[in-house]
C-alpha atoms as a PDB file:
ATOM      1  CA  UNK A   1       3.607  13.305  14.940  1.00  0.00           C
ATOM      2  CA  UNK A   2       2.732  12.891  11.475  1.00  0.00           C
ATOM      3  CA  UNK A   3       2.516  16.323  10.597  1.00  0.00           C
ATOM      4  CA  UNK A   4       5.090  17.706   8.538  1.00  0.00           C
ATOM      5  CA  UNK A   5       5.792  14.234   6.668  1.00  0.00           C
ATOM      6  CA  UNK A   6       5.570  13.614   3.010  1.00  0.00           C
ATOM      7  CA  UNK A   7       4.057  10.369   1.834  1.00  0.00           C
ATOM      8  CA  UNK A   8       3.548   8.267  -1.666  1.00  0.00           C
ATOM      9  CA  UNK A   9       0.639   6.019  -1.534  1.00  0.00           C
ATOM     10  CA  UNK A  10       0.397   3.800  -4.422  1.00  0.00           C
ATOM     11  CA  UNK A  11      -3.353   2.745  -6.161  1.00  0.00           C
ATOM     12  CA  UNK A  12      -4.391   6.160  -4.245  1.00  0.00           C
ATOM     13  CA  UNK A  13      -7.558   6.341  -7.022  1.00  0.00           C
ATOM     14  CA  UNK A  14      -9.764   4.424  -4.955  1.00  0.00           C
ATOM     15  CA  UNK A  15     -10.613   2.333  -2.579  1.00  0.00           C
ATOM     16  CA  UNK A  16      -8.280   1.969   0.331  1.00  0.00           C
ATOM     17  CA  UNK A  17      -5.817   3.378  -1.291  1.00  0.00           C
ATOM     18  CA  UNK A  18      -8.159   6.646  -1.771  1.00  0.00           C
ATOM     19  CA  UNK A  19      -9.006   6.246   1.969  1.00  0.00           C
ATOM     20  CA  UNK A  20      -5.406   5.968   3.129  1.00  0.00           C
ATOM     21  CA  UNK A  21      -4.472   9.031   0.818  1.00  0.00           C
ATOM     22  CA  UNK A  22      -7.268  11.301   2.848  1.00  0.00           C
ATOM     23  CA  UNK A  23      -6.738  10.480   6.427  1.00  0.00           C
ATOM     24  CA  UNK A  24      -2.909  10.633   5.962  1.00  0.00           C
ATOM     25  CA  UNK A  25      -3.543  13.720   4.628  1.00  0.00           C
ATOM     26  CA  UNK A  26      -6.039  14.908   7.771  1.00  0.00           C
ATOM     27  CA  UNK A  27      -2.810  14.173  10.264  1.00  0.00           C
ATOM     28  CA  UNK A  28      -0.974  16.361   8.191  1.00  0.00           C
ATOM     29  CA  UNK A  29       0.856  14.451   6.194  1.00  0.00           C
ATOM     30  CA  UNK A  30       1.558  15.892   2.447  1.00  0.00           C
ATOM     31  CA  UNK A  31       0.816  13.010  -0.254  1.00  0.00           C
ATOM     32  CA  UNK A  32       1.910  11.759  -3.701  1.00  0.00           C
ATOM     33  CA  UNK A  33      -0.948  10.105  -5.367  1.00  0.00           C
ATOM     34  CA  UNK A  34      -0.235   7.224  -8.273  1.00  0.00           C
ATOM     35  CA  UNK A  35      -3.151   5.713  -9.843  1.00  0.00           C
ATOM     36  CA  UNK A  36      -3.296   3.585 -13.254  1.00  0.00           C
ATOM     37  CA  UNK A  37      -6.044   6.641 -14.406  1.00  0.00           C
ATOM     38  CA  UNK A  38      -4.447  10.153 -13.368  1.00  0.00           C
ATOM     39  CA  UNK A  39      -7.979  11.231 -13.726  1.00  0.00           C
ATOM     40  CA  UNK A  40      -8.763   8.854 -10.349  1.00  0.00           C
ATOM     41  CA  UNK A  41      -5.858  10.328  -8.730  1.00  0.00           C
ATOM     42  CA  UNK A  42      -7.142  13.874  -9.314  1.00  0.00           C
ATOM     43  CA  UNK A  43     -10.030  13.211  -7.704  1.00  0.00           C
ATOM     44  CA  UNK A  44      -8.256  11.380  -4.611  1.00  0.00           C
ATOM     45  CA  UNK A  45      -6.466  14.760  -4.689  1.00  0.00           C
ATOM     46  CA  UNK A  46      -9.349  16.896  -5.458  1.00  0.00           C
ATOM     47  CA  UNK A  47     -11.103  15.569  -1.477  1.00  0.00           C
ATOM     48  CA  UNK A  48      -7.857  15.701  -0.328  1.00  0.00           C
ATOM     49  CA  UNK A  49      -7.468  20.050  -1.450  1.00  0.00           C
ATOM     50  CA  UNK A  50     -10.906  20.595  -0.160  1.00  0.00           C
ATOM     51  CA  UNK A  51     -10.387  19.935   3.048  1.00  0.00           C
ATOM     52  CA  UNK A  52      -7.644  22.020   3.052  1.00  0.00           C
ATOM     53  CA  UNK A  53      -4.305  19.168   2.814  1.00  0.00           C
ATOM     54  CA  UNK A  54      -2.024  18.751   0.358  1.00  0.00           C
ATOM     55  CA  UNK A  55      -1.568  16.561  -2.213  1.00  0.00           C
ATOM     56  CA  UNK A  56      -0.002  15.868  -5.905  1.00  0.00           C
ATOM     57  CA  UNK A  57      -1.585  13.719  -8.591  1.00  0.00           C
ATOM     58  CA  UNK A  58       0.130  11.111 -10.566  1.00  0.00           C
ATOM     59  CA  UNK A  59      -0.242   8.453 -13.203  1.00  0.00           C
ATOM     60  CA  UNK A  60       1.737   5.117 -12.900  1.00  0.00           C
ATOM     61  CA  UNK A  61       0.417   1.289 -14.283  1.00  0.00           C
ATOM     62  CA  UNK A  62       2.428  -0.272 -11.022  1.00  0.00           C
ATOM     63  CA  UNK A  63       2.678  -3.433 -13.576  1.00  0.00           C
ATOM     64  CA  UNK A  64       4.275  -1.262 -16.344  1.00  0.00           C
ATOM     65  CA  UNK A  65       8.146  -0.614 -15.585  1.00  0.00           C
ATOM     66  CA  UNK A  66       8.182   1.880 -17.762  1.00  0.00           C
ATOM     67  CA  UNK A  67       5.702   3.512 -15.991  1.00  0.00           C
ATOM     68  CA  UNK A  68       7.275   2.943 -12.561  1.00  0.00           C
ATOM     69  CA  UNK A  69      10.460   4.387 -13.924  1.00  0.00           C
ATOM     70  CA  UNK A  70       8.681   7.471 -14.814  1.00  0.00           C
ATOM     71  CA  UNK A  71       7.104   7.789 -11.616  1.00  0.00           C
ATOM     72  CA  UNK A  72       9.887   7.625  -9.476  1.00  0.00           C
ATOM     73  CA  UNK A  73      12.061  10.155 -11.328  1.00  0.00           C
ATOM     74  CA  UNK A  74       9.128  12.492 -11.190  1.00  0.00           C
ATOM     75  CA  UNK A  75       8.719  11.984  -7.713  1.00  0.00           C
ATOM     76  CA  UNK A  76      12.590  12.421  -7.202  1.00  0.00           C
ATOM     77  CA  UNK A  77      12.632  15.683  -9.088  1.00  0.00           C
ATOM     78  CA  UNK A  78      11.244  17.048  -4.922  1.00  0.00           C
ATOM     79  CA  UNK A  79      14.287  16.858  -3.112  1.00  0.00           C
ATOM     80  CA  UNK A  80      12.336  16.728  -0.136  1.00  0.00           C
ATOM     81  CA  UNK A  81      12.812  12.862   1.347  1.00  0.00           C
ATOM     82  CA  UNK A  82       9.864  10.468   1.439  1.00  0.00           C
ATOM     83  CA  UNK A  83       9.046   9.587   5.332  1.00  0.00           C
ATOM     84  CA  UNK A  84       5.906   7.222   4.104  1.00  0.00           C
ATOM     85  CA  UNK A  85       6.100   5.064   1.686  1.00  0.00           C
ATOM     86  CA  UNK A  86       2.190   3.145   1.138  1.00  0.00           C
ATOM     87  CA  UNK A  87       2.187   0.212  -1.210  1.00  0.00           C
ATOM     88  CA  UNK A  88      -1.426  -0.512  -1.464  1.00  0.00           C
ATOM     89  CA  UNK A  89      -1.461  -1.162  -6.156  1.00  0.00           C
ATOM     90  CA  UNK A  90      -2.009  -4.506  -6.701  1.00  0.00           C
ATOM     91  CA  UNK A  91      -4.304  -6.581  -9.653  1.00  0.00           C
ATOM     92  CA  UNK A  92      -6.757  -8.897  -8.421  1.00  0.00           C
ATOM     93  CA  UNK A  93      -7.546 -11.665 -10.296  1.00  0.00           C
ATOM     94  CA  UNK A  94      -9.814 -14.647  -9.076  1.00  0.00           C
ATOM     95  CA  UNK A  95     -10.368 -18.421 -10.353  1.00  0.00           C
ATOM     96  CA  UNK A  96      -8.687 -21.526 -11.332  1.00  0.00           C
ATOM     97  CA  UNK A  97      -5.228 -21.491 -13.258  1.00  0.00           C
ATOM     98  CA  UNK A  98      -6.443 -21.583 -16.896  1.00  0.00           C
ATOM     99  CA  UNK A  99      -9.943 -21.774 -16.046  1.00  0.00           C
ATOM    100  CA  UNK A 100     -11.074 -17.655 -18.548  1.00  0.00           C
ATOM    101  CA  UNK A 101      -7.383 -16.768 -17.437  1.00  0.00           C
ATOM    102  CA  UNK A 102      -4.838 -15.519 -20.271  1.00  0.00           C
ATOM    103  CA  UNK A 103      -1.005 -15.047 -20.034  1.00  0.00           C
ATOM    104  CA  UNK A 104      -1.869 -11.112 -19.514  1.00  0.00           C
ATOM    105  CA  UNK A 105      -3.458 -11.579 -16.699  1.00  0.00           C
ATOM    106  CA  UNK A 106      -1.082 -13.964 -15.190  1.00  0.00           C
ATOM    107  CA  UNK A 107       2.187 -11.359 -16.087  1.00  0.00           C
ATOM    108  CA  UNK A 108      -0.072  -8.544 -15.036  1.00  0.00           C
ATOM    109  CA  UNK A 109      -0.936  -9.807 -11.561  1.00  0.00           C
ATOM    110  CA  UNK A 110       2.396 -10.519 -11.083  1.00  0.00           C
ATOM    111  CA  UNK A 111       3.940  -7.654 -12.151  1.00  0.00           C
ATOM    112  CA  UNK A 112       1.327  -5.675  -9.968  1.00  0.00           C
ATOM    113  CA  UNK A 113       1.306  -7.028  -6.585  1.00  0.00           C
ATOM    114  CA  UNK A 114       5.263  -7.793  -6.789  1.00  0.00           C
ATOM    115  CA  UNK A 115       7.984  -6.995  -9.298  1.00  0.00           C
ATOM    116  CA  UNK A 116       6.358  -3.083  -9.854  1.00  0.00           C
ATOM    117  CA  UNK A 117       6.516  -2.637  -5.613  1.00  0.00           C
ATOM    118  CA  UNK A 118      10.133  -4.076  -5.657  1.00  0.00           C
ATOM    119  CA  UNK A 119      11.366  -1.732  -8.772  1.00  0.00           C
ATOM    120  CA  UNK A 120       9.432   1.222  -6.756  1.00  0.00           C
ATOM    121  CA  UNK A 121      10.993   0.465  -3.590  1.00  0.00           C
ATOM    122  CA  UNK A 122      14.201   0.231  -5.042  1.00  0.00           C
ATOM    123  CA  UNK A 123      14.322   3.278  -6.767  1.00  0.00           C
ATOM    124  CA  UNK A 124      13.137   5.458  -3.975  1.00  0.00           C
ATOM    125  CA  UNK A 125      15.550   4.247  -1.453  1.00  0.00           C
ATOM    126  CA  UNK A 126      17.891   7.426  -1.693  1.00  0.00           C
ATOM    127  CA  UNK A 127      14.982   9.480  -0.923  1.00  0.00           C
ATOM    128  CA  UNK A 128      13.621   7.370   1.907  1.00  0.00           C
ATOM    129  CA  UNK A 129      17.305   7.460   3.446  1.00  0.00           C
ATOM    130  CA  UNK A 130      17.210  10.639   3.642  1.00  0.00           C
ATOM    131  CA  UNK A 131      14.001  11.222   5.969  1.00  0.00           C
ATOM    132  CA  UNK A 132      15.141  11.129   9.706  1.00  0.00           C
ATOM    133  CA  UNK A 133      12.483   7.880   9.928  1.00  0.00           C
ATOM    134  CA  UNK A 134      11.583   6.511   7.506  1.00  0.00           C
ATOM    135  CA  UNK A 135       8.611   4.515   6.806  1.00  0.00           C
ATOM    136  CA  UNK A 136       7.684   1.423   3.941  1.00  0.00           C
ATOM    137  CA  UNK A 137       4.036   0.134   4.856  1.00  0.00           C
ATOM    138  CA  UNK A 138       3.050  -2.986   2.270  1.00  0.00           C
ATOM    139  CA  UNK A 139      -0.467  -4.190   1.960  1.00  0.00           C
ATOM    140  CA  UNK A 140      -0.226  -8.003   1.727  1.00  0.00           C
ATOM    141  CA  UNK A 141      -2.814  -9.933   2.378  1.00  0.00           C
ATOM    142  CA  UNK A 142      -3.922 -12.591   3.897  1.00  0.00           C
ATOM    143  CA  UNK A 143      -3.097 -14.389   0.635  1.00  0.00           C
ATOM    144  CA  UNK A 144       0.464 -13.456   1.503  1.00  0.00           C
ATOM    145  CA  UNK A 145       0.683 -16.528   4.395  1.00  0.00           C
ATOM    146  CA  UNK A 146       2.442 -19.292   3.654  1.00  0.00           C
ATOM    147  CA  UNK A 147       0.453 -22.340   3.581  1.00  0.00           C
ATOM    148  CA  UNK A 148      -3.145 -20.125   3.120  1.00  0.00           C
ATOM    149  CA  UNK A 149      -5.566 -21.264   0.648  1.00  0.00           C
ATOM    150  CA  UNK A 150      -9.101 -20.431   1.646  1.00  0.00           C
ATOM    151  CA  UNK A 151      -9.468 -17.479  -0.917  1.00  0.00           C
ATOM    152  CA  UNK A 152     -10.664 -17.611  -4.777  1.00  0.00           C
ATOM    153  CA  UNK A 153      -7.654 -15.561  -5.460  1.00  0.00           C
ATOM    154  CA  UNK A 154      -5.832 -17.385  -8.607  1.00  0.00           C
ATOM    155  CA  UNK A 155      -2.338 -18.959  -8.026  1.00  0.00           C
ATOM    156  CA  UNK A 156      -0.892 -15.677  -9.266  1.00  0.00           C
ATOM    157  CA  UNK A 157      -2.102 -13.777  -7.020  1.00  0.00           C
ATOM    158  CA  UNK A 158      -1.079 -15.831  -4.130  1.00  0.00           C
ATOM    159  CA  UNK A 159       2.374 -16.042  -5.990  1.00  0.00           C
ATOM    160  CA  UNK A 160       2.390 -12.961  -6.280  1.00  0.00           C
ATOM    161  CA  UNK A 161       1.487 -12.158  -2.602  1.00  0.00           C
ATOM    162  CA  UNK A 162       3.923 -14.768  -1.250  1.00  0.00           C
ATOM    163  CA  UNK A 163       6.324 -13.144  -2.846  1.00  0.00           C
ATOM    164  CA  UNK A 164       6.122  -9.218  -1.578  1.00  0.00           C
ATOM    165  CA  UNK A 165       5.673 -11.200   1.860  1.00  0.00           C
ATOM    166  CA  UNK A 166       8.416 -12.512   1.523  1.00  0.00           C
ATOM    167  CA  UNK A 167      10.579  -9.436  -0.107  1.00  0.00           C
ATOM    168  CA  UNK A 168       9.317  -7.037   3.059  1.00  0.00           C
ATOM    169  CA  UNK A 169      10.580  -9.738   5.664  1.00  0.00           C
ATOM    170  CA  UNK A 170      13.910  -9.609   3.951  1.00  0.00           C
ATOM    171  CA  UNK A 171      14.127  -5.691   3.780  1.00  0.00           C
ATOM    172  CA  UNK A 172      12.833  -5.524   6.932  1.00  0.00           C
ATOM    173  CA  UNK A 173      15.771  -7.195   8.380  1.00  0.00           C
ATOM    174  CA  UNK A 174      18.244  -5.493   5.884  1.00  0.00           C
ATOM    175  CA  UNK A 175      16.837  -1.711   6.043  1.00  0.00           C
ATOM    176  CA  UNK A 176      16.501  -1.773   9.944  1.00  0.00           C
ATOM    177  CA  UNK A 177      20.095  -1.115  10.463  1.00  0.00           C
ATOM    178  CA  UNK A 178      19.290   2.294   8.742  1.00  0.00           C
ATOM    179  CA  UNK A 179      16.348   3.200  10.418  1.00  0.00           C
ATOM    180  CA  UNK A 180      13.655   2.385   7.905  1.00  0.00           C
ATOM    181  CA  UNK A 181      11.063   0.697   9.113  1.00  0.00           C
ATOM    182  CA  UNK A 182       8.937  -2.065   7.007  1.00  0.00           C
ATOM    183  CA  UNK A 183       5.513  -3.493   7.701  1.00  0.00           C
ATOM    184  CA  UNK A 184       3.379  -5.936   5.911  1.00  0.00           C
ATOM    185  CA  UNK A 185      -0.260  -6.238   6.789  1.00  0.00           C
ATOM    186  CA  UNK A 186      -1.820  -8.995   6.396  1.00  0.00           C
ATOM    187  CA  UNK A 187      -5.502  -8.392   6.114  1.00  0.00           C
ATOM    188  CA  UNK A 188      -8.669 -10.859   5.090  1.00  0.00           C
ATOM    189  CA  UNK A 189     -10.955  -9.183   2.589  1.00  0.00           C
ATOM    190  CA  UNK A 190     -11.836  -6.194   4.108  1.00  0.00           C
ATOM    191  CA  UNK A 191     -15.135  -3.378   3.293  1.00  0.00           C
ATOM    192  CA  UNK A 192     -14.512   0.164   2.870  1.00  0.00           C
ATOM    193  CA  UNK A 193     -16.926   2.554   3.853  1.00  0.00           C
ATOM    194  CA  UNK A 194     -17.334   6.168   3.641  1.00  0.00           C
ATOM    195  CA  UNK A 195     -14.256   8.367   5.000  1.00  0.00           C
ATOM    196  CA  UNK A 196     -15.905   9.715   7.933  1.00  0.00           C
ATOM    197  CA  UNK A 197     -17.578   5.966   9.000  1.00  0.00           C
ATOM    198  CA  UNK A 198     -16.563   4.183  12.050  1.00  0.00           C
ATOM    199  CA  UNK A 199     -17.312   1.122  12.313  1.00  0.00           C
ATOM    200  CA  UNK A 200     -19.076   0.257  15.722  1.00  0.00           C
ATOM    201  CA  UNK A 201     -18.834  -3.227  17.043  1.00  0.00           C
ATOM    202  CA  UNK A 202     -21.130  -5.451  15.395  1.00  0.00           C
ATOM    203  CA  UNK A 203     -21.788  -9.572  16.102  1.00  0.00           C
ATOM    204  CA  UNK A 204     -20.872 -12.312  14.012  1.00  0.00           C
ATOM    205  CA  UNK A 205     -18.461 -12.693  11.406  1.00  0.00           C
ATOM    206  CA  UNK A 206     -18.384  -9.028   9.892  1.00  0.00           C
ATOM    207  CA  UNK A 207     -15.776  -7.665   7.456  1.00  0.00           C
ATOM    208  CA  UNK A 208     -12.841  -6.373   8.303  1.00  0.00           C
ATOM    209  CA  UNK A 209     -13.661  -2.521   8.065  1.00  0.00           C
ATOM    210  CA  UNK A 210     -10.757  -0.631   6.387  1.00  0.00           C
ATOM    211  CA  UNK A 211     -10.627   2.030   8.890  1.00  0.00           C
ATOM    212  CA  UNK A 212      -9.261  -0.169  11.289  1.00  0.00           C
ATOM    213  CA  UNK A 213      -6.601  -1.120   8.895  1.00  0.00           C
ATOM    214  CA  UNK A 214      -5.910   2.848   8.799  1.00  0.00           C
ATOM    215  CA  UNK A 215      -5.683   3.275  12.805  1.00  0.00           C
ATOM    216  CA  UNK A 216      -3.671   0.216  13.052  1.00  0.00           C
ATOM    217  CA  UNK A 217      -1.335   1.560  10.349  1.00  0.00           C
ATOM    218  CA  UNK A 218      -1.365   5.246  12.382  1.00  0.00           C
ATOM    219  CA  UNK A 219      -0.594   3.429  15.426  1.00  0.00           C
ATOM    220  CA  UNK A 220       2.715   1.749  13.283  1.00  0.00           C
ATOM    221  CA  UNK A 221       3.890   5.188  12.613  1.00  0.00           C
ATOM    222  CA  UNK A 222       3.431   6.553  15.258  1.00  0.00           C
ATOM    223  CA  UNK A 223       5.200   4.140  17.629  1.00  0.00           C
ATOM    224  CA  UNK A 224       9.149   5.491  18.660  1.00  0.00           C
ATOM    225  CA  UNK A 225      11.842   4.812  16.305  1.00  0.00           C
ATOM    226  CA  UNK A 226      13.052   1.794  18.332  1.00  0.00           C
ATOM    227  CA  UNK A 227      10.042  -0.007  17.981  1.00  0.00           C
ATOM    228  CA  UNK A 228       9.893  -1.672  14.595  1.00  0.00           C
ATOM    229  CA  UNK A 229       6.977  -3.461  14.157  1.00  0.00           C
ATOM    230  CA  UNK A 230       7.566  -6.032  11.250  1.00  0.00           C
ATOM    231  CA  UNK A 231       4.244  -7.742  10.428  1.00  0.00           C
ATOM    232  CA  UNK A 232       0.354  -6.968  11.381  1.00  0.00           C
ATOM    233  CA  UNK A 233      -1.833 -10.041  10.851  1.00  0.00           C
ATOM    234  CA  UNK A 234      -5.729  -9.856  10.718  1.00  0.00           C
ATOM    235  CA  UNK A 235      -8.186 -12.038  11.853  1.00  0.00           C
ATOM    236  CA  UNK A 236     -11.915 -12.273   9.506  1.00  0.00           C
ATOM    237  CA  UNK A 237     -13.759 -13.710   6.844  1.00  0.00           C
ATOM    238  CA  UNK A 238     -12.273 -14.398   2.972  1.00  0.00           C
ATOM    239  CA  UNK A 239     -14.271 -14.630   0.109  1.00  0.00           C
END
């Protein structure tokens, strides 16, 4: 059902962003990947192409609005519609406010987790609207849940994630009228193992595996267009 679609994945040079880019490509999706360092995006591109998939690599620092603008302009030069937008890039910051942080850390965390995602989504909406049925997938995290505190994340990270969670909720309501589905994913800390690993059943409180998040994402993407799943919440331990 995903074959022939075009996807954009932010933060696609490592960890979950890289994994989901490869898994999308294995479903027959052409993937446009961005990473803060072009070489990392190219590594993901090479993995996909080595398997016979289609991918293009771009440099984009999601915390830098000029970089976001340049990236979006490059994407829009291709007149084919964007069918899937996966917003997975975010700068991690932990610790208490005022303890080994600085203004640049705080601004970068807010911009990468919130502002850059909003600006990029706004820029790509014209292309998403051209799709016969577009999906926006946002990796929010449990830190985006109001009143959640069980994480070592910095207050700025909490602020960014709760902000992007609110953004998801709002645009999901408005874009549903245009048949653009928006789904926020709220996972706790999770591990990214090998691209071909299928995690088995483990007793106790084993960390959530990225493969399980991907399988849930694929389920969402394959639902009939009448089915809008606005949020997915996962349980599990947090650092």
